[in-house]
Amino acid sequence: MQLKEGQIRIPSGCAVSAVISKSGKRMSGESIVKSMVPMHERSNGLGGGFAGYGIYPEYKDFYAFHFFFDNKAVKHECEVYLKESFEIVKSEPLPTRKIPSIVDEPIIYRYFLSPLRSALASYQLDEREFVARTAMHINTFIKGAYVVSCGKNMGVFKAVGFPEDVGNFYRLEEYEGYSWTAHGRYPTNTPGWWGGAHPFALLDYSIVHNGEISSYDANRRFIEMYGYKCNLQTDTEVITYIADYLLRKQGLNLDELANVIAAPFWSTIAKKCPEEKERLTYLRTVYSSLLITGPFSIILGFEGGLMALNDRLKLRSMVVGEKNDKVYVASEECAIRVMQPDIDNIYSPEGGEAIIVKVEEGKY
């Protein structure tokens, strides 16, 4: 008898992978797709996806919106809404190829958009806040329309399927980027559907995640007080909004973000020097509702870099490798060796230790 979703549960399932060039050298998406093949058993075919950075250099000054639409009517409704506040520089179906394992696909479209100055002046918002609110509005109020990603010079490609099939479906070998992240999903408590596959993205921030968030309700209630809405039926979505809130709205740096969502234990903080103790105590106290509890390993992609982070107890696997100007991250070493067989340095970060990699200034 073939087991169905809900009849089997592998809590440690899901796979993550990433590669970034610190010199900004653009790489084909083919390598990141191949990295997911040896981790096939960590997924169950209910979700796979990729995020690529630097993939739209010819449209780098415009916001690249990737969409799922349930039907043509909702697509038209969404386009009418977009035209009220944006110049649509280009719109087209996302290129895909038919493969037997990817079925029931929605209408998949991309738009390159520029916010109208009149709209920004009317709402008295900066560009990034206006775009973020637009994405939230569409996902909340236009039923059957889903913003998959909306950053500049980046995009998310995801579907219901095994990740290697999803990469083939989206023809990722035809794209080049300076950074790629990948995810193979094994949903445990939430449904497997197109919008619930990883990565989750808002502006240039994207998240792939292996684990479970036991603090989801507390995290969600806090973040929704600031205009975010969790509509995509999975706990991982909230991590993306936490990152956007802390980095963009609160002005924290990446180390501080890590010290909020994977905060050191109070016993660890007590042993720090006075200045560090004061800083960590402040972050734990002010942002206590954004502490993420439960086992996790996440990779945060952003313009010009990425951050990899485990939970404080390192209850999910994650390894990092380095070779020349490239840094690799994956759930398993085998995935890294597919991308770079002759890896120079490979290691496993400590629980709560943020691995932050940035592209050289001006190279992306």
Protein backbone atom coordinates (compact mmCIF):
# COMPACT_ATOMS: atom_id res chain seq x y z
CA MET A 1 0.00 0.00 0.00
CA GLN A 2 1.36 3.41 -0.93
CA LEU A 3 1.56 5.76 2.02
CA LYS A 4 -0.08 9.16 1.65
CA GLU A 5 0.56 12.51 3.26
CA GLY A 6 -0.27 12.33 6.96
CA GLN A 7 0.30 8.57 7.19
CA ILE A 8 4.03 8.85 7.69
CA ARG A 9 6.06 11.48 9.47
CA ILE A 10 9.83 11.98 9.39
CA PRO A 11 10.52 14.92 11.73
CA SER A 12 14.10 15.37 10.54
CA GLY A 13 13.08 15.49 6.89
CA CYS A 14 13.60 18.44 4.52
CA ALA A 15 16.85 19.39 2.84
CA VAL A 16 18.54 22.75 2.34
CA SER A 17 21.43 23.72 0.10
CA ALA A 18 23.16 26.93 -0.99
CA VAL A 19 26.16 28.29 -2.86
CA ILE A 20 27.50 31.83 -3.11
CA SER A 21 30.43 33.42 -4.93
CA LYS A 22 32.14 36.06 -2.79
CA SER A 23 33.58 37.65 -5.94
CA GLY A 24 30.10 37.94 -7.47
CA LYS A 25 30.80 35.43 -10.24
CA ARG A 26 27.52 34.26 -11.73
CA MET A 27 26.88 30.51 -11.77
CA SER A 28 24.36 28.40 -13.65
CA GLY A 29 21.42 27.09 -11.65
CA GLU A 30 22.29 23.58 -12.83
CA SER A 31 24.75 22.96 -9.99
CA ILE A 32 22.34 23.81 -7.16
CA VAL A 33 19.69 21.56 -8.70
CA LYS A 34 22.15 18.64 -8.83
CA SER A 35 23.08 19.23 -5.18
CA MET A 36 19.58 18.14 -4.15
CA VAL A 37 19.76 14.73 -5.87
CA PRO A 38 21.76 12.90 -3.15
CA MET A 39 19.34 14.29 -0.53
CA HIS A 40 16.31 12.97 -2.41
CA GLU A 41 15.13 10.84 0.53
CA ARG A 42 14.86 13.90 2.77
CA SER A 43 11.90 15.06 0.65
CA ASN A 44 8.61 13.39 -0.22
CA GLY A 45 7.62 15.18 -3.40
CA LEU A 46 5.28 17.68 -1.72
CA GLY A 47 7.49 20.71 -2.25
CA GLY A 48 10.76 21.86 -3.76
CA GLY A 49 12.17 25.23 -4.68
CA PHE A 50 15.08 27.54 -5.39
CA ALA A 51 16.01 31.20 -5.02
CA GLY A 52 18.51 32.81 -7.38
CA TYR A 53 20.25 36.17 -6.89
CA GLY A 54 21.72 38.19 -9.73
CA ILE A 55 19.58 36.38 -12.29
CA TYR A 56 17.98 39.45 -13.90
CA PRO A 57 20.86 41.87 -14.62
CA GLU A 58 19.04 43.43 -17.57
CA TYR A 59 16.13 44.34 -15.24
CA LYS A 60 18.13 44.87 -12.06
CA ASP A 61 16.53 48.26 -11.32
CA PHE A 62 12.99 46.85 -11.29
CA TYR A 63 11.11 44.69 -8.80
CA ALA A 64 10.73 41.17 -10.21
CA PHE A 65 7.36 39.81 -9.08
CA HIS A 66 6.87 36.07 -9.52
CA PHE A 67 3.22 35.02 -9.24
CA PHE A 68 0.97 31.99 -8.99
CA PHE A 69 -2.59 32.54 -10.24
CA ASP A 70 -5.47 30.09 -9.86
CA ASN A 71 -7.12 31.25 -13.09
CA LYS A 72 -7.16 33.95 -15.76
CA ALA A 73 -9.85 35.99 -14.01
CA VAL A 74 -7.76 36.46 -10.87
CA LYS A 75 -4.71 37.20 -13.01
CA HIS A 76 -6.64 40.02 -14.69
CA GLU A 77 -7.87 41.32 -11.33
CA CYS A 78 -4.32 41.40 -9.99
CA GLU A 79 -2.98 43.17 -13.07
CA VAL A 80 -5.64 45.87 -12.73
CA TYR A 81 -4.56 46.36 -9.12
CA LEU A 82 -0.85 46.52 -10.06
CA LYS A 83 -1.44 49.09 -12.82
CA GLU A 84 -2.90 51.51 -10.27
CA SER A 85 0.48 51.89 -8.55
CA PHE A 86 3.19 50.46 -10.81
CA GLU A 87 4.59 50.80 -14.27
CA ILE A 88 4.64 47.29 -15.71
CA VAL A 89 7.95 47.28 -17.58
CA LYS A 90 7.55 43.71 -18.79
CA SER A 91 5.20 40.80 -18.15
CA GLU A 92 5.43 37.23 -19.38
CA PRO A 93 4.85 33.62 -18.37
CA LEU A 94 7.75 32.16 -16.42
CA PRO A 95 9.50 29.73 -18.80
CA THR A 96 8.82 26.11 -17.84
CA ARG A 97 9.04 22.70 -19.48
CA LYS A 98 6.43 19.99 -19.16
CA ILE A 99 7.59 17.03 -17.11
CA PRO A 100 5.39 14.16 -15.90
CA SER A 101 6.15 14.59 -12.20
CA ILE A 102 4.99 18.22 -11.98
CA VAL A 103 1.21 18.40 -12.24
CA ASP A 104 -1.67 20.75 -11.45
CA GLU A 105 0.49 23.80 -12.03
CA PRO A 106 -1.16 27.20 -11.60
CA ILE A 107 -0.69 30.08 -14.05
CA ILE A 108 2.93 31.11 -13.39
CA TYR A 109 3.82 34.64 -14.41
CA ARG A 110 6.49 37.25 -13.80
CA TYR A 111 6.32 41.03 -13.92
CA PHE A 112 9.10 43.61 -13.78
CA LEU A 113 7.62 46.59 -11.96
CA SER A 114 8.54 50.15 -11.05
CA PRO A 115 6.46 51.94 -8.38
CA LEU A 116 4.82 55.11 -9.66
CA ARG A 117 6.11 58.25 -8.00
CA SER A 118 2.55 59.46 -7.60
CA ALA A 119 1.66 56.33 -5.62
CA LEU A 120 4.71 56.66 -3.36
CA ALA A 121 3.87 60.32 -2.72
CA SER A 122 0.22 59.52 -2.06
CA TYR A 123 1.00 56.86 0.54
CA GLN A 124 4.13 58.66 1.81
CA LEU A 125 6.14 55.46 1.77
CA ASP A 126 9.58 54.52 0.52
CA GLU A 127 9.82 52.05 -2.35
CA ARG A 128 10.64 48.94 -0.33
CA GLU A 129 7.87 49.45 2.20
CA PHE A 130 5.40 50.13 -0.61
CA VAL A 131 6.39 46.94 -2.44
CA ALA A 132 6.20 44.88 0.77
CA ARG A 133 2.71 46.21 1.49
CA THR A 134 1.65 45.47 -2.07
CA ALA A 135 2.73 41.84 -1.72
CA MET A 136 0.90 41.53 1.62
CA HIS A 137 -2.26 43.07 0.17
CA ILE A 138 -2.31 40.70 -2.82
CA ASN A 139 -1.71 37.58 -0.71
CA THR A 140 -4.37 38.65 1.79
CA PHE A 141 -7.14 40.16 -0.30
CA ILE A 142 -6.89 38.89 -3.90
CA LYS A 143 -8.07 35.32 -3.54
CA GLY A 144 -6.24 32.96 -5.85
CA ALA A 145 -3.22 35.24 -6.43
CA TYR A 146 0.05 34.54 -4.63
CA VAL A 147 3.22 36.63 -4.71
CA VAL A 148 6.06 34.11 -4.81
CA SER A 149 8.86 36.72 -4.75
CA CYS A 150 9.16 40.47 -5.27
CA GLY A 151 12.82 41.50 -4.94
CA LYS A 152 15.18 43.21 -7.35
CA ASN A 153 17.46 41.04 -9.50
CA MET A 154 16.32 37.85 -7.79
CA GLY A 155 13.52 35.33 -8.01
CA VAL A 156 11.98 32.28 -6.35
CA PHE A 157 11.05 29.15 -8.30
CA LYS A 158 9.00 26.58 -6.41
CA ALA A 159 6.37 23.88 -6.91
CA VAL A 160 4.88 20.68 -5.58
CA GLY A 161 7.44 18.06 -6.51
CA PHE A 162 10.91 16.80 -5.69
CA PRO A 163 13.45 19.63 -5.91
CA GLU A 164 15.45 18.17 -8.80
CA ASP A 165 12.22 17.92 -10.79
CA VAL A 166 11.24 21.47 -9.84
CA GLY A 167 14.62 22.75 -11.09
CA ASN A 168 14.12 20.90 -14.35
CA PHE A 169 10.56 22.22 -14.64
CA TYR A 170 11.72 25.84 -14.31
CA ARG A 171 14.73 25.32 -16.63
CA LEU A 172 17.13 26.69 -14.03
CA GLU A 173 20.14 25.68 -16.11
CA GLU A 174 19.25 28.67 -18.30
CA TYR A 175 19.72 31.16 -15.42
CA GLU A 176 22.94 32.50 -13.88
CA GLY A 177 23.29 34.05 -10.46
CA TYR A 178 25.97 34.85 -7.88
CA SER A 179 24.02 33.05 -5.15
CA TRP A 180 21.55 30.15 -5.07
CA THR A 181 19.55 28.51 -2.28
CA ALA A 182 17.48 25.33 -2.51
CA HIS A 183 14.94 23.35 -0.53
CA GLY A 184 13.43 19.89 -0.60
CA ARG A 185 10.30 19.66 1.53
CA TYR A 186 8.95 16.96 3.82
CA PRO A 187 5.90 18.70 5.34
CA THR A 188 4.98 17.44 8.78
CA ASN A 189 2.27 19.69 10.23
CA THR A 190 1.23 21.78 7.22
CA PRO A 191 -0.13 20.98 3.75
CA GLY A 192 1.98 20.36 0.68
CA TRP A 193 0.84 22.87 -1.94
CA TRP A 194 2.46 25.21 -4.46
CA GLY A 195 2.34 28.33 -2.31
CA GLY A 196 3.58 26.45 0.75
CA ALA A 197 6.80 25.21 -0.86
CA HIS A 198 10.06 26.92 0.10
CA PRO A 199 11.74 29.38 -0.35
CA PHE A 200 9.52 32.06 1.14
CA ALA A 201 10.44 35.56 0.11
CA LEU A 202 9.67 39.22 0.74
CA LEU A 203 11.64 41.89 -1.11
CA ASP A 204 15.18 40.49 -1.45
CA TYR A 205 14.94 38.30 1.67
CA SER A 206 14.31 34.57 1.17
CA ILE A 207 14.23 31.66 3.60
CA VAL A 208 14.69 27.91 3.24
CA HIS A 209 14.16 25.95 6.43
CA ASN A 210 14.52 22.43 7.78
CA GLY A 211 12.73 21.88 11.06
CA GLU A 212 9.67 22.78 13.09
CA ILE A 213 8.78 26.05 14.79
CA SER A 214 7.09 25.30 18.10
CA SER A 215 6.96 29.06 18.80
CA TYR A 216 5.02 29.77 15.59
CA ASP A 217 1.89 31.19 17.21
CA ALA A 218 3.83 33.58 19.44
CA ASN A 219 6.05 34.63 16.52
CA ARG A 220 3.06 35.10 14.22
CA ARG A 221 1.00 37.11 16.72
CA PHE A 222 3.90 39.50 17.27
CA ILE A 223 4.81 40.00 13.62
CA GLU A 224 1.20 40.50 12.52
CA MET A 225 1.00 43.54 14.81
CA TYR A 226 3.33 45.25 12.31
CA GLY A 227 1.35 44.68 9.12
CA TYR A 228 2.59 41.23 8.11
CA LYS A 229 0.08 38.50 7.34
CA CYS A 230 0.84 34.79 7.38
CA ASN A 231 -1.36 33.41 4.61
CA LEU A 232 0.63 30.54 3.12
CA GLN A 233 -0.21 27.76 5.60
CA THR A 234 3.23 26.89 6.87
CA ASP A 235 5.34 27.94 9.83
CA THR A 236 8.40 28.88 7.78
CA GLU A 237 6.69 31.92 6.27
CA VAL A 238 6.96 33.79 9.57
CA ILE A 239 10.79 33.56 9.58
CA THR A 240 10.94 35.60 6.37
CA TYR A 241 8.81 38.34 7.90
CA ILE A 242 10.84 38.32 11.11
CA ALA A 243 14.00 38.83 9.06
CA ASP A 244 12.43 41.71 7.13
CA TYR A 245 11.11 43.33 10.31
CA LEU A 246 14.38 43.12 12.22
CA LEU A 247 16.77 43.93 9.37
CA ARG A 248 14.83 46.47 7.32
CA LYS A 249 12.43 48.05 9.82
CA GLN A 250 14.41 47.82 13.05
CA GLY A 251 17.85 48.28 11.50
CA LEU A 252 19.49 45.31 13.24
CA ASN A 253 22.52 43.68 11.64
CA LEU A 254 22.76 39.99 10.75
CA ASP A 255 24.55 38.99 13.96
CA GLU A 256 21.84 40.71 15.97
CA LEU A 257 19.15 38.96 13.93
CA ALA A 258 20.77 35.63 14.82
CA ASN A 259 20.97 36.64 18.48
CA VAL A 260 17.21 37.28 18.46
CA ILE A 261 15.87 34.22 16.65
CA ALA A 262 18.48 31.81 18.09
CA ALA A 263 19.19 33.76 21.27
CA PRO A 264 21.86 32.43 23.64
CA PHE A 265 20.60 30.84 26.84
CA TRP A 266 20.47 33.14 29.86
CA SER A 267 23.19 31.02 31.48
CA THR A 268 25.41 31.71 28.46
CA ILE A 269 24.67 35.43 28.50
CA ALA A 270 25.57 35.62 32.20
CA LYS A 271 29.15 34.56 31.39
CA LYS A 272 29.74 37.31 28.81
CA CYS A 273 31.69 40.51 29.38
CA PRO A 274 29.53 43.40 30.70
CA GLU A 275 29.13 45.14 27.33
CA GLU A 276 28.19 41.95 25.47
CA LYS A 277 25.96 40.86 28.35
CA GLU A 278 24.08 44.15 28.16
CA ARG A 279 23.63 43.89 24.38
CA LEU A 280 22.39 40.29 24.42
CA THR A 281 20.09 40.97 27.37
CA TYR A 282 18.57 43.91 25.49
CA LEU A 283 17.91 41.79 22.38
CA ARG A 284 16.41 38.91 24.37
CA THR A 285 14.19 41.24 26.37
CA VAL A 286 12.93 43.60 23.66
CA TYR A 287 12.41 40.90 21.00
CA SER A 288 11.50 37.98 23.24
CA SER A 289 8.45 37.09 21.12
CA LEU A 290 10.70 36.59 18.09
CA LEU A 291 12.81 33.86 19.64
CA ILE A 292 12.31 30.80 17.42
CA THR A 293 12.07 27.61 19.44
CA GLY A 294 12.16 24.09 18.10
CA PRO A 295 14.71 22.37 15.89
CA PHE A 296 15.75 24.26 12.78
CA SER A 297 18.42 24.97 10.24
CA ILE A 298 17.76 27.94 7.98
CA ILE A 299 19.45 29.74 5.13
CA LEU A 300 18.58 33.39 4.66
CA GLY A 301 19.32 34.79 1.22
CA PHE A 302 19.54 38.53 0.67
CA GLU A 303 20.94 40.98 -1.84
CA GLY A 304 24.69 40.47 -1.79
CA GLY A 305 24.91 37.59 0.65
CA LEU A 306 23.47 34.78 2.72
CA MET A 307 23.35 33.64 6.35
CA ALA A 308 23.13 30.06 7.60
CA LEU A 309 21.93 29.36 11.15
CA ASN A 310 21.08 26.38 13.36
CA ASP A 311 18.91 26.35 16.45
CA ARG A 312 20.75 26.74 19.76
CA LEU A 313 20.95 23.00 20.38
CA LYS A 314 21.80 22.10 16.77
CA LEU A 315 18.94 19.65 16.43
CA ARG A 316 19.11 19.78 12.63
CA SER A 317 22.13 19.00 10.50
CA MET A 318 24.02 21.68 8.56
CA VAL A 319 27.51 21.68 7.09
CA VAL A 320 29.55 24.42 5.42
CA GLY A 321 32.30 24.07 2.82
CA GLU A 322 34.71 26.52 1.19
CA LYS A 323 36.65 26.47 -2.07
CA ASN A 324 38.36 29.49 -3.64
CA ASP A 325 35.78 32.31 -3.73
CA LYS A 326 32.77 30.06 -3.13
CA VAL A 327 31.02 29.05 0.08
CA TYR A 328 28.64 26.08 0.17
CA VAL A 329 25.99 25.18 2.76
CA ALA A 330 23.84 22.05 2.89
CA SER A 331 22.04 19.64 5.17
CA GLU A 332 24.55 16.93 4.19
CA GLU A 333 28.16 16.92 3.04
CA CYS A 334 27.28 14.83 -0.02
CA ALA A 335 25.30 17.76 -1.45
CA ILE A 336 28.32 20.03 -1.19
CA ARG A 337 30.59 17.48 -2.84
CA VAL A 338 28.22 17.23 -5.80
CA MET A 339 28.73 20.96 -6.36
CA GLN A 340 32.46 20.91 -5.53
CA PRO A 341 34.09 17.44 -5.26
CA ASP A 342 37.49 18.93 -4.36
CA ILE A 343 36.30 20.96 -1.38
CA ASP A 344 39.08 22.58 0.66
CA ASN A 345 37.49 23.16 4.03
CA ILE A 346 34.34 21.59 5.40
CA TYR A 347 32.93 21.97 8.90
CA SER A 348 29.75 21.90 10.94
CA PRO A 349 28.76 25.18 12.65
CA GLU A 350 27.84 25.20 16.33
CA GLY A 351 24.25 25.60 17.43
CA GLY A 352 23.25 29.26 17.22
CA GLU A 353 26.44 30.17 15.31
CA ALA A 354 25.62 32.42 12.38
CA ILE A 355 27.59 31.79 9.19
CA ILE A 356 27.44 35.07 7.26
CA VAL A 357 28.86 35.36 3.74
CA LYS A 358 28.81 38.56 1.71
CA VAL A 359 29.77 39.31 -1.85
CA GLU A 360 32.52 41.89 -2.27
CA GLU A 361 31.15 45.41 -2.45
CA GLY A 362 30.26 46.42 -5.99
CA LYS A 363 30.55 42.89 -7.37
CA TYR A 364 26.84 42.05 -7.55
